[in-house]
Structure formats: C-alpha cells, structure tokens
Amino acid sequence: MTSYKTCVGSANFTITLLIFRSSGLVAIESKNIPLLQRIENEILTKAQEFDLFSPNELRDIEQLKEDRNLCAHPALNNEGSIFQPTP
C-alpha cells in the first residue's frame, strides 16, 4: 500500500515538473535568457530534493554542466589562453 507521504511527494514532484516545463516553454518562446538561466540553475537542486540521482550521478551531472558552460562560453584559463576541452 502506498503511503500518504509517498503520494504527497509524487504530487509535489509532478507539480514541480509541470512548473519547470511551462516556465521553460515560456522562457524559450519569449527568449527570456535570465529565466532560462534561473531554470538551469534550479533544476539540479530540485532533482536533488526529489532524490532523482545518486550523489555520484549528481556530481557527474554538475561536472557536465560546468564543462558545457566552459565550452559554450569560452573563458581564459590560468595561463591566459582560451579554455580548450580535451576529448
């Protein structure tokens, strides 16, 4: 039998997912970059709150996000040259 806590948690997850989805669609359609950035920054926090990933998976996803940001928004490294990702 499913507990009340499980049902409430599932409902909260569904509502949160729908809010992120609708906010994301609005942000994309209106080209609202600050809102898209906020959603991107909050989504991993929400995933952690709902235990969607193990700590190791979450760390890997955060590393992917950091690597993606370095590649998408070139930055200078400590030596003063542009970051070059390695395969």
Protein backbone atom coordinates (compact mmCIF):
# COMPACT_ATOMS: atom_id res chain seq x y z
CA MET A 1 0.00 0.00 0.00
CA THR A 2 1.28 3.47 -0.91
CA SER A 3 1.80 5.83 1.99
CA TYR A 4 0.41 9.35 2.23
CA LYS A 5 3.96 10.74 2.28
CA THR A 6 4.75 8.93 -0.98
CA CYS A 7 1.60 10.29 -2.63
CA VAL A 8 2.31 13.84 -1.48
CA GLY A 9 5.93 13.56 -2.61
CA SER A 10 4.84 12.28 -6.00
CA ALA A 11 2.28 15.07 -6.37
CA ASN A 12 4.87 17.68 -5.39
CA PHE A 13 7.29 16.25 -7.93
CA THR A 14 4.65 16.32 -10.68
CA ILE A 15 3.66 19.90 -9.89
CA THR A 16 7.32 20.99 -9.79
CA LEU A 17 7.98 19.28 -13.11
CA LEU A 18 4.99 20.97 -14.72
CA ILE A 19 6.07 24.38 -13.41
CA PHE A 20 9.58 23.90 -14.77
CA ARG A 21 8.20 22.73 -18.11
CA SER A 22 5.75 25.59 -18.53
CA SER A 23 8.29 28.17 -17.30
CA GLY A 24 10.85 26.75 -19.70
CA LEU A 25 8.48 26.89 -22.67
CA VAL A 26 7.54 30.49 -21.88
CA ALA A 27 11.20 31.43 -21.47
CA ILE A 28 12.15 29.79 -24.77
CA GLU A 29 9.29 31.37 -26.70
CA SER A 30 9.98 34.83 -25.29
CA LYS A 31 13.78 34.37 -25.47
CA ASN A 32 13.97 35.22 -21.78
CA ILE A 33 17.61 34.33 -21.14
CA PRO A 34 17.65 35.25 -17.41
CA LEU A 35 14.66 32.96 -16.78
CA LEU A 36 16.30 30.12 -18.73
CA GLN A 37 19.47 30.57 -16.69
CA ARG A 38 17.48 30.50 -13.44
CA ILE A 39 15.70 27.31 -14.50
CA GLU A 40 19.01 25.72 -15.47
CA ASN A 41 20.49 26.64 -12.10
CA GLU A 42 17.48 25.42 -10.11
CA ILE A 43 16.80 22.15 -11.88
CA LEU A 44 19.66 20.22 -10.28
CA THR A 45 18.65 21.47 -6.85
CA LYS A 46 15.11 20.23 -7.45
CA ALA A 47 16.41 16.89 -8.74
CA GLN A 48 18.42 16.55 -5.54
CA GLU A 49 15.37 17.40 -3.38
CA PHE A 50 13.42 14.57 -5.04
CA ASP A 51 16.34 12.10 -4.90
CA LEU A 52 16.31 11.61 -8.66
CA PHE A 53 20.05 10.98 -8.80
CA SER A 54 22.60 9.38 -6.52
CA PRO A 55 25.28 11.69 -5.11
CA ASN A 56 27.76 10.34 -7.68
CA GLU A 57 25.35 10.88 -10.57
CA LEU A 58 24.61 14.40 -9.37
CA ARG A 59 28.32 15.19 -9.14
CA ASP A 60 28.80 13.88 -12.71
CA ILE A 61 25.90 15.99 -14.00
CA GLU A 62 27.26 19.09 -12.25
CA GLN A 63 30.66 18.43 -13.87
CA LEU A 64 28.98 18.09 -17.27
CA LYS A 65 27.19 21.40 -16.70
CA GLU A 66 30.46 23.10 -15.73
CA ASP A 67 32.27 21.63 -18.77
CA ARG A 68 29.41 22.64 -21.07
CA ASN A 69 29.49 26.19 -19.74
CA LEU A 70 33.25 26.43 -20.31
CA CYS A 71 32.82 25.23 -23.90
CA ALA A 72 29.74 27.32 -24.69
CA HIS A 73 31.13 30.47 -23.09
CA PRO A 74 34.86 30.45 -23.76
CA ALA A 75 36.90 31.62 -20.82
CA LEU A 76 40.55 32.26 -20.23
CA ASN A 77 42.43 29.69 -18.21
CA ASN A 78 45.15 30.42 -15.65
CA GLU A 79 47.77 30.79 -18.37
CA GLY A 80 45.72 33.47 -20.16
CA SER A 81 44.70 31.33 -23.14
CA ILE A 82 41.19 30.24 -24.10
CA PHE A 83 39.94 27.04 -22.49
CA GLN A 84 40.36 24.06 -24.84
CA PRO A 85 38.44 20.91 -23.82
CA THR A 86 40.20 17.59 -24.18
CA PRO A 87 38.42 14.50 -25.54
